[in-house]
Every structure is written in structure tokens, then in C-alpha cells.
Amino acid sequence: MKLFVDIDIPLPGGTTIRHTDPVLLIGSCFTQHIGNRLADLKFTTLQNPNGILFDPHSVCSSLVSYIENKPAGPADLFFLHELWQSWQHHSQFSGMEPEDVLAGINRARQEAHAFLKKSRWLIITLGTAFSYRLQQTGEAVANCHRAPAQWFNKHLMEIDDIVDGLRTCLDSLHVLNQELRIIFTISPVRHIRDGVIENNRSKARLIEAVHQVVKNYSNTHYFPAYELVIDVLRDYRFYDIDLVHPNYAATDFVFNKFIGSYTAPELSGLIEEIKKINLAFRHKPSYPATAAHKKFLESMHARIQTLQQTYPYLDFNEEERYFAGR
């Protein structure tokens, strides 16, 4: 009995992601699921230098800011809820002292600029086509920071507007880094607060816009994260209790499809070995003073040393210190 539909995943034309390839990830919270797992497997990553972003305008605006690398100033902040905040950044950058907030924003922007110049891959995950703009100024915001709803106009972006924004952004990226390859994904996280019908309209616009762009740019690819959850798994068993976010089983399924599609087959053995080391590193022993546990530590330490000799570019410093008992 066949329980899942087949789905064709477009391959990146012979070029695969290697551990030595810097990978920048930007976009919705689903970006972090992919990014965290890539980092766990010792890929070189930088995630969401502005924090989580959802709509195409915010993603493109942030990428352009990394390209231009202009320092943020006091005019880029506002004061709300006893904190200095930025309309273009996640609340993780907010703080009580404006100088500290600006320092954090500029430090992240500078890091993103340097990383983007040398990146081989950029993974963009779009979450919604809904954009929010300040009523007073018309400025598009990436994060509303729990400001009163009447401060904003909610806008469902047109497909042509999304395509134009992405094209302008891709052209600027190509000028900065001609070796960059871009993977687009649509987040399977359901924006139910917008309404079921509105969420589907939003996702449909994102999908159509991205496919128009991928069709016309040879260095772009589409990975069907959305379709893998919605059309292959297609069951609420694969969602968290909020029925909005894919659960661990779903994200694991999607990530394994991603790794299988975008890394070389010969890396599969190394990836499995790294997974075993990660599992052992996170294990909390009940009796750490026993001879059995010490033998286990010695065994894992030896495995890491072997891997480091074979793959000197992989960073196992933290794990090596742990298993060596330091």
C-alpha cells in the first residue's frame, strides 16, 4: 500500500553544499530549523542577522542592508514598552540602552556583510505575503513589537511586487558575490491568525512569485519544504499542538530530504558519524563517575580525534573538550 505521494525535488545541477561552503540563511522561523540542524552537522552557517523575518519585503530589505553595510543610527530606533527597538529587527536586538541596541545591530550587519561576500549558498525561506506598514510614515516593518494594531496597515503583497523585489535583490547579490547560489523555500508554518483562506492565498502568491524568479535566474533553486509537509505528510500528526508549526518528526523528514538533495552522497557516512557524536555529547549520564562512563568518554574522544585528522576543517573543539574531561 502506498501511503505517501511522490514528489520531485529539483536538484542543484551537480553543485552540492559542502562543509567548507559558507551558508547564509534568512527568513521565517522554519529557517532556524534548517539552520540549526546544518550547524549541528558542522556546516558553516550564519542565520538571520536581523532575527526572524516573514515577508518578502523584509527579507529583501535586510539583504540589501547587508550588501550596502551602512551603519544604523539613532534615527533607526524608536522607544516602546520601555525598550529601544528597530522596526527592521527582531526583539532579540531590543534593549534599554540605545547605544547597546545600535552596537548589536551594526555588529550583526557587519558580520552579515563579510559572511555574504564569501558565501557559496543563500537559503531564503518566505513565510507570508502579508506585509505591515506604519500608517504615519508608510514604512514597511519586519516586526511590530506588540505595538497597537491601529498603528499599521496590513497589506497582501501582489505577485508582481514580490517578483520585482526579489529580482532587484538578486541582481544586487550577484554584483556583491557572483559565486552565490540561492535556494528558495516556502515555510510550511501556517499563519492561521490571518485566517485559513487568507493563509492559503498568501502561500500561493509566494509560491508563484518564487517560481517566476527561479525560472529566470540560473543560480537559483527551489526546495519544496512547503509541499513536503502539506502534500506528502498532509496530516495534523505532523504538527505541534498549536496546529500551526510542524513538529519534530515533520522537520526531521524535511531536513533529511534537504540533505539528501543538496549534499553529495559520499557525505552520508560523515553526517551519520556527526549525528552519533551529537547524540553522545547531549547525553546526560546518571553516574558520570563510573568506569563504564569513563570508557564511553574515551571511546568518543578517540572517534572525534579520528574525524579531526580526516576532516581538519570541522570544528569539534567543544565536544573534544567534553569527552577529554576538560
Protein backbone atom coordinates (compact mmCIF):
# COMPACT_ATOMS: atom_id res chain seq x y z
CA MET A 1 0.00 0.00 0.00
CA LYS A 2 1.32 3.39 -0.99
CA LEU A 3 0.96 5.86 1.90
CA PHE A 4 2.81 8.93 0.51
CA VAL A 5 2.71 10.69 -2.83
CA ASP A 6 5.97 11.04 -4.73
CA ILE A 7 7.48 14.49 -5.13
CA ASP A 8 10.24 15.54 -7.47
CA ILE A 9 12.86 17.70 -5.78
CA PRO A 10 14.77 19.83 -8.30
CA LEU A 11 18.48 19.19 -7.89
CA PRO A 12 21.10 21.97 -7.98
CA GLY A 13 22.73 20.87 -11.23
CA GLY A 14 25.70 18.93 -9.89
CA THR A 15 26.75 21.56 -7.34
CA THR A 16 26.22 20.46 -3.76
CA ILE A 17 26.67 22.01 -0.32
CA ARG A 18 29.98 21.09 1.30
CA HIS A 19 31.12 21.63 4.85
CA THR A 20 33.57 24.28 3.68
CA ASP A 21 30.83 26.27 1.91
CA PRO A 22 29.57 29.24 3.97
CA VAL A 23 25.74 29.13 4.05
CA LEU A 24 23.67 32.20 4.97
CA LEU A 25 20.07 31.51 5.99
CA ILE A 26 17.39 34.17 6.22
CA GLY A 27 13.64 34.21 6.68
CA SER A 28 10.92 32.70 8.83
CA CYS A 29 11.22 30.55 11.94
CA PHE A 30 11.42 27.47 9.71
CA THR A 31 14.79 28.85 8.60
CA GLN A 32 16.07 28.17 12.09
CA HIS A 33 15.01 24.53 11.97
CA ILE A 34 17.12 24.02 8.86
CA GLY A 35 19.94 26.28 10.03
CA ASN A 36 20.27 24.74 13.49
CA ARG A 37 20.47 21.26 12.03
CA LEU A 38 23.06 22.30 9.47
CA ALA A 39 25.12 23.87 12.25
CA ASP A 40 24.79 20.70 14.35
CA LEU A 41 26.23 18.78 11.40
CA LYS A 42 29.22 21.18 11.35
CA PHE A 43 28.29 23.11 8.23
CA THR A 44 29.44 26.73 8.20
CA THR A 45 26.31 28.82 8.73
CA LEU A 46 25.06 32.27 9.66
CA GLN A 47 21.36 32.59 10.49
CA ASN A 48 19.01 35.56 10.36
CA PRO A 49 21.30 38.51 11.14
CA ASN A 50 18.15 40.65 11.66
CA GLY A 51 16.32 37.93 13.56
CA ILE A 52 13.29 36.07 12.20
CA LEU A 53 11.69 37.64 9.10
CA PHE A 54 8.46 36.59 7.43
CA ASP A 55 7.52 38.60 4.34
CA PRO A 56 9.46 39.13 1.07
CA HIS A 57 9.87 42.88 1.58
CA SER A 58 11.54 42.40 4.98
CA VAL A 59 13.83 39.69 3.65
CA CYS A 60 14.89 41.72 0.60
CA SER A 61 15.33 44.90 2.63
CA SER A 62 17.55 43.09 5.12
CA LEU A 63 19.70 41.51 2.40
CA VAL A 64 20.17 44.91 0.75
CA SER A 65 21.25 46.36 4.11
CA TYR A 66 23.93 43.65 4.38
CA ILE A 67 25.12 44.44 0.86
CA GLU A 68 25.31 48.19 1.47
CA ASN A 69 26.60 47.78 5.05
CA LYS A 70 25.58 51.28 6.15
CA PRO A 71 25.74 51.75 9.93
CA ALA A 72 22.42 52.20 11.73
CA GLY A 73 21.97 55.40 13.72
CA PRO A 74 19.67 56.81 16.42
CA ALA A 75 17.03 57.69 13.79
CA ASP A 76 16.63 53.95 13.09
CA LEU A 77 15.34 53.27 16.62
CA PHE A 78 12.11 54.04 18.47
CA PHE A 79 11.11 53.76 22.13
CA LEU A 80 8.24 51.45 23.10
CA HIS A 81 7.45 49.24 26.12
CA GLU A 82 10.44 50.74 27.97
CA LEU A 83 12.81 49.46 25.29
CA TRP A 84 14.68 50.88 22.33
CA GLN A 85 13.69 48.88 19.26
CA SER A 86 14.08 48.70 15.48
CA TRP A 87 11.21 48.19 13.06
CA GLN A 88 13.57 46.14 10.86
CA HIS A 89 14.82 43.77 13.56
CA HIS A 90 13.51 41.06 15.84
CA SER A 91 13.01 41.91 19.52
CA GLN A 92 16.19 39.97 20.33
CA PHE A 93 18.00 43.21 19.39
CA SER A 94 15.87 45.41 21.67
CA GLY A 95 17.32 46.84 24.86
CA MET A 96 17.17 49.57 27.48
CA GLU A 97 20.22 51.49 26.21
CA PRO A 98 20.08 52.82 22.62
CA GLU A 99 23.86 52.67 22.27
CA ASP A 100 23.84 48.96 23.08
CA VAL A 101 20.99 48.30 20.65
CA LEU A 102 22.76 50.11 17.82
CA ALA A 103 26.02 48.34 18.61
CA GLY A 104 24.30 44.95 18.39
CA ILE A 105 22.54 45.85 15.12
CA ASN A 106 25.71 47.18 13.49
CA ARG A 107 27.81 44.28 14.70
CA ALA A 108 25.32 41.80 13.18
CA ARG A 109 25.13 43.80 9.94
CA GLN A 110 28.90 43.93 9.58
CA GLU A 111 29.16 40.19 10.23
CA ALA A 112 26.44 39.52 7.65
CA HIS A 113 28.18 41.73 5.07
CA ALA A 114 31.50 39.91 5.49
CA PHE A 115 29.84 36.49 5.52
CA LEU A 116 27.67 37.21 2.47
CA LYS A 117 30.70 38.27 0.41
CA LYS A 118 32.25 34.82 0.86
CA SER A 119 29.05 32.71 0.99
CA ARG A 120 28.51 29.95 -1.53
CA TRP A 121 24.85 29.41 -0.62
CA LEU A 122 21.96 31.59 0.50
CA ILE A 123 18.79 29.91 1.75
CA ILE A 124 15.72 32.17 1.75
CA THR A 125 12.56 30.95 3.49
CA LEU A 126 9.47 33.08 2.94
CA GLY A 127 6.61 32.73 5.42
CA THR A 128 3.83 35.09 4.34
CA ALA A 129 2.91 37.57 1.63
CA PHE A 130 1.29 39.85 4.21
CA SER A 131 3.29 42.99 4.92
CA TYR A 132 2.74 45.61 7.60
CA ARG A 133 3.32 49.34 7.11
CA LEU A 134 3.26 52.17 9.60
CA GLN A 135 0.23 54.36 8.97
CA GLN A 136 2.08 57.59 9.76
CA THR A 137 5.10 57.10 7.50
CA GLY A 138 4.25 54.20 5.18
CA GLU A 139 7.43 52.45 6.28
CA ALA A 140 7.30 48.66 5.93
CA VAL A 141 8.17 46.89 9.18
CA ALA A 142 9.71 43.49 9.78
CA ASN A 143 8.44 43.23 13.36
CA CYS A 144 5.52 45.00 15.03
CA HIS A 145 6.96 44.67 18.56
CA ARG A 146 3.47 44.38 20.10
CA ALA A 147 2.66 47.96 19.11
CA PRO A 148 -1.07 48.86 18.87
CA ALA A 149 -2.70 47.32 15.79
CA GLN A 150 -4.07 50.70 14.71
CA TRP A 151 -0.50 51.87 14.07
CA PHE A 152 -0.28 49.62 10.98
CA ASN A 153 -1.84 48.95 7.62
CA LYS A 154 -1.88 45.25 6.73
CA HIS A 155 -1.20 44.62 3.06
CA LEU A 156 -1.28 41.41 0.98
CA MET A 157 1.56 41.85 -1.50
CA GLU A 158 0.83 41.35 -5.18
CA ILE A 159 2.74 38.67 -7.05
CA ASP A 160 4.34 41.24 -9.37
CA ASP A 161 5.54 43.29 -6.37
CA ILE A 162 7.13 40.20 -4.80
CA VAL A 163 8.81 39.24 -8.07
CA ASP A 164 10.15 42.76 -8.64
CA GLY A 165 11.54 42.93 -5.10
CA LEU A 166 13.22 39.54 -5.37
CA ARG A 167 14.71 40.35 -8.78
CA THR A 168 16.16 43.64 -7.57
CA CYS A 169 17.62 41.89 -4.55
CA LEU A 170 19.11 39.04 -6.61
CA ASP A 171 20.73 41.48 -9.02
CA SER A 172 22.40 43.29 -6.12
CA LEU A 173 23.53 40.00 -4.61
CA HIS A 174 25.11 38.98 -7.92
CA VAL A 175 27.14 42.19 -8.01
CA LEU A 176 28.44 41.51 -4.49
CA ASN A 177 29.08 37.78 -4.92
CA GLN A 178 28.98 36.14 -8.34
CA GLU A 179 29.59 32.68 -6.86
CA LEU A 180 26.44 32.77 -4.71
CA ARG A 181 23.73 30.18 -5.28
CA ILE A 182 20.27 30.78 -3.79
CA ILE A 183 17.79 28.19 -2.54
CA PHE A 184 14.22 29.40 -2.04
CA THR A 185 11.78 27.63 0.24
CA ILE A 186 8.26 28.44 1.41
CA SER A 187 7.68 27.86 5.12
CA PRO A 188 5.11 25.15 5.96
CA VAL A 189 4.24 27.08 9.13
CA ARG A 190 0.57 28.04 8.78
CA HIS A 191 -0.27 31.69 9.52
CA ILE A 192 -3.72 30.88 10.87
CA ARG A 193 -4.08 34.24 12.58
CA ASP A 194 -4.56 35.66 9.10
CA GLY A 195 -7.34 33.11 8.52
CA VAL A 196 -7.23 29.78 6.71
CA ILE A 197 -8.34 31.22 3.37
CA GLU A 198 -6.03 34.21 3.67
CA ASN A 199 -3.09 31.98 4.64
CA ASN A 200 -3.61 29.88 1.52
CA ARG A 201 -3.83 32.98 -0.68
CA SER A 202 -0.62 34.24 0.88
CA LYS A 203 1.28 30.99 0.38
CA ALA A 204 0.01 30.73 -3.22
CA ARG A 205 1.39 34.17 -4.03
CA LEU A 206 4.76 33.32 -2.54
CA ILE A 207 4.97 30.04 -4.46
CA GLU A 208 4.06 31.64 -7.79
CA ALA A 209 6.44 34.58 -7.29
CA VAL A 210 9.36 32.34 -6.33
CA HIS A 211 8.82 30.03 -9.30
CA GLN A 212 8.78 33.02 -11.66
CA VAL A 213 12.14 34.11 -10.25
CA VAL A 214 13.72 30.64 -10.25
CA LYS A 215 12.68 30.16 -13.88
CA ASN A 216 14.69 33.21 -14.93
CA TYR A 217 17.80 33.01 -12.72
CA SER A 218 20.23 30.16 -13.34
CA ASN A 219 21.81 30.43 -9.89
CA THR A 220 18.52 29.92 -8.03
CA HIS A 221 16.76 26.74 -6.90
CA TYR A 222 13.51 25.79 -5.22
CA PHE A 223 13.33 23.30 -2.37
CA PRO A 224 9.73 22.15 -1.69
CA ALA A 225 9.64 22.28 2.12
CA TYR A 226 6.04 23.51 1.98
CA GLU A 227 4.91 20.75 -0.35
CA LEU A 228 6.70 18.03 1.65
CA VAL A 229 4.63 18.90 4.73
CA ILE A 230 1.35 19.94 3.10
CA ASP A 231 1.16 17.40 0.26
CA VAL A 232 3.36 14.47 1.33
CA LEU A 233 2.86 14.27 5.10
CA ARG A 234 -0.54 16.07 4.99
CA ASP A 235 -1.64 15.08 8.48
CA TYR A 236 -2.07 17.03 11.73
CA ARG A 237 0.01 14.32 13.44
CA PHE A 238 2.97 16.15 11.96
CA TYR A 239 2.05 19.48 13.56
CA ASP A 240 2.61 20.76 17.06
CA ILE A 241 -0.28 21.16 19.49
CA ASP A 242 -0.98 24.64 18.06
CA LEU A 243 -1.73 23.03 14.66
CA VAL A 244 0.46 25.73 13.12
CA HIS A 245 4.11 24.69 13.49
CA PRO A 246 5.45 21.41 12.05
CA ASN A 247 6.63 19.13 14.86
CA TYR A 248 9.99 17.39 15.25
CA ALA A 249 9.01 14.44 13.05
CA ALA A 250 7.96 16.75 10.23
CA THR A 251 11.03 19.00 10.38
CA ASP A 252 13.27 15.93 10.59
CA PHE A 253 11.58 14.49 7.50
CA VAL A 254 12.02 17.75 5.57
CA PHE A 255 15.62 18.20 6.66
CA ASN A 256 16.58 14.67 5.64
CA LYS A 257 15.08 15.34 2.20
CA PHE A 258 17.09 18.56 2.04
CA ILE A 259 20.35 16.87 2.99
CA GLY A 260 19.68 14.05 0.56
CA SER A 261 19.11 16.53 -2.27
CA TYR A 262 21.75 19.18 -1.64
CA THR A 263 24.76 17.28 -0.31
CA ALA A 264 26.93 14.74 -2.11
CA PRO A 265 26.15 11.05 -1.42
CA GLU A 266 29.69 10.47 -0.16
CA LEU A 267 28.96 12.80 2.78
CA SER A 268 26.26 10.50 4.15
CA GLY A 269 28.70 8.43 6.23
CA LEU A 270 30.32 11.53 7.74
CA ILE A 271 26.92 13.04 8.53
CA GLU A 272 25.80 9.88 10.33
CA GLU A 273 29.01 9.86 12.37
CA ILE A 274 28.48 13.51 13.37
CA LYS A 275 24.91 12.69 14.40
CA LYS A 276 26.21 9.95 16.72
CA ILE A 277 28.71 12.34 18.28
CA ASN A 278 25.98 14.94 18.80
CA LEU A 279 23.79 12.36 20.49
CA ALA A 280 26.59 11.28 22.79
CA PHE A 281 27.54 14.89 23.55
CA ARG A 282 23.99 15.73 24.65
CA HIS A 283 23.60 12.58 26.73
CA LYS A 284 23.32 13.30 30.45
CA PRO A 285 24.89 10.39 32.37
CA SER A 286 23.20 9.19 35.55
CA TYR A 287 26.51 8.04 37.06
CA PRO A 288 29.37 10.01 35.49
CA ALA A 289 31.98 8.63 37.92
CA THR A 290 31.59 5.01 36.81
CA ALA A 291 34.30 3.20 34.88
CA ALA A 292 31.79 2.43 32.14
CA HIS A 293 31.08 6.11 31.56
CA LYS A 294 34.78 6.98 31.55
CA LYS A 295 35.36 4.27 28.96
CA PHE A 296 32.50 5.73 26.91
CA LEU A 297 34.13 9.19 27.05
CA GLU A 298 37.47 7.78 25.95
CA SER A 299 35.85 5.96 23.05
CA MET A 300 34.03 9.11 21.83
CA HIS A 301 37.18 11.19 22.27
CA ALA A 302 39.09 8.77 20.05
CA ARG A 303 36.36 8.93 17.38
CA ILE A 304 36.49 12.73 17.35
CA GLN A 305 40.28 12.72 17.02
CA THR A 306 39.99 10.39 14.04
CA LEU A 307 37.42 12.65 12.41
CA GLN A 308 39.52 15.76 13.04
CA GLN A 309 42.54 14.14 11.40
CA THR A 310 40.48 13.24 8.33
CA TYR A 311 38.42 16.45 8.21
CA PRO A 312 40.56 19.18 9.84
CA TYR A 313 38.12 21.92 8.76
CA LEU A 314 35.37 20.60 11.07
CA ASP A 315 35.08 22.28 14.46
CA PHE A 316 34.78 19.73 17.26
CA ASN A 317 36.50 21.86 19.92
CA GLU A 318 33.59 21.91 22.35
CA GLU A 319 32.89 18.20 22.01
CA GLU A 320 36.60 17.34 22.21
CA ARG A 321 36.96 19.24 25.49
CA TYR A 322 33.93 17.49 26.94
CA PHE A 323 34.97 13.96 26.00
CA ALA A 324 38.54 14.63 27.13
CA GLY A 325 37.19 15.54 30.55
CA ARG A 326 38.36 19.17 30.39
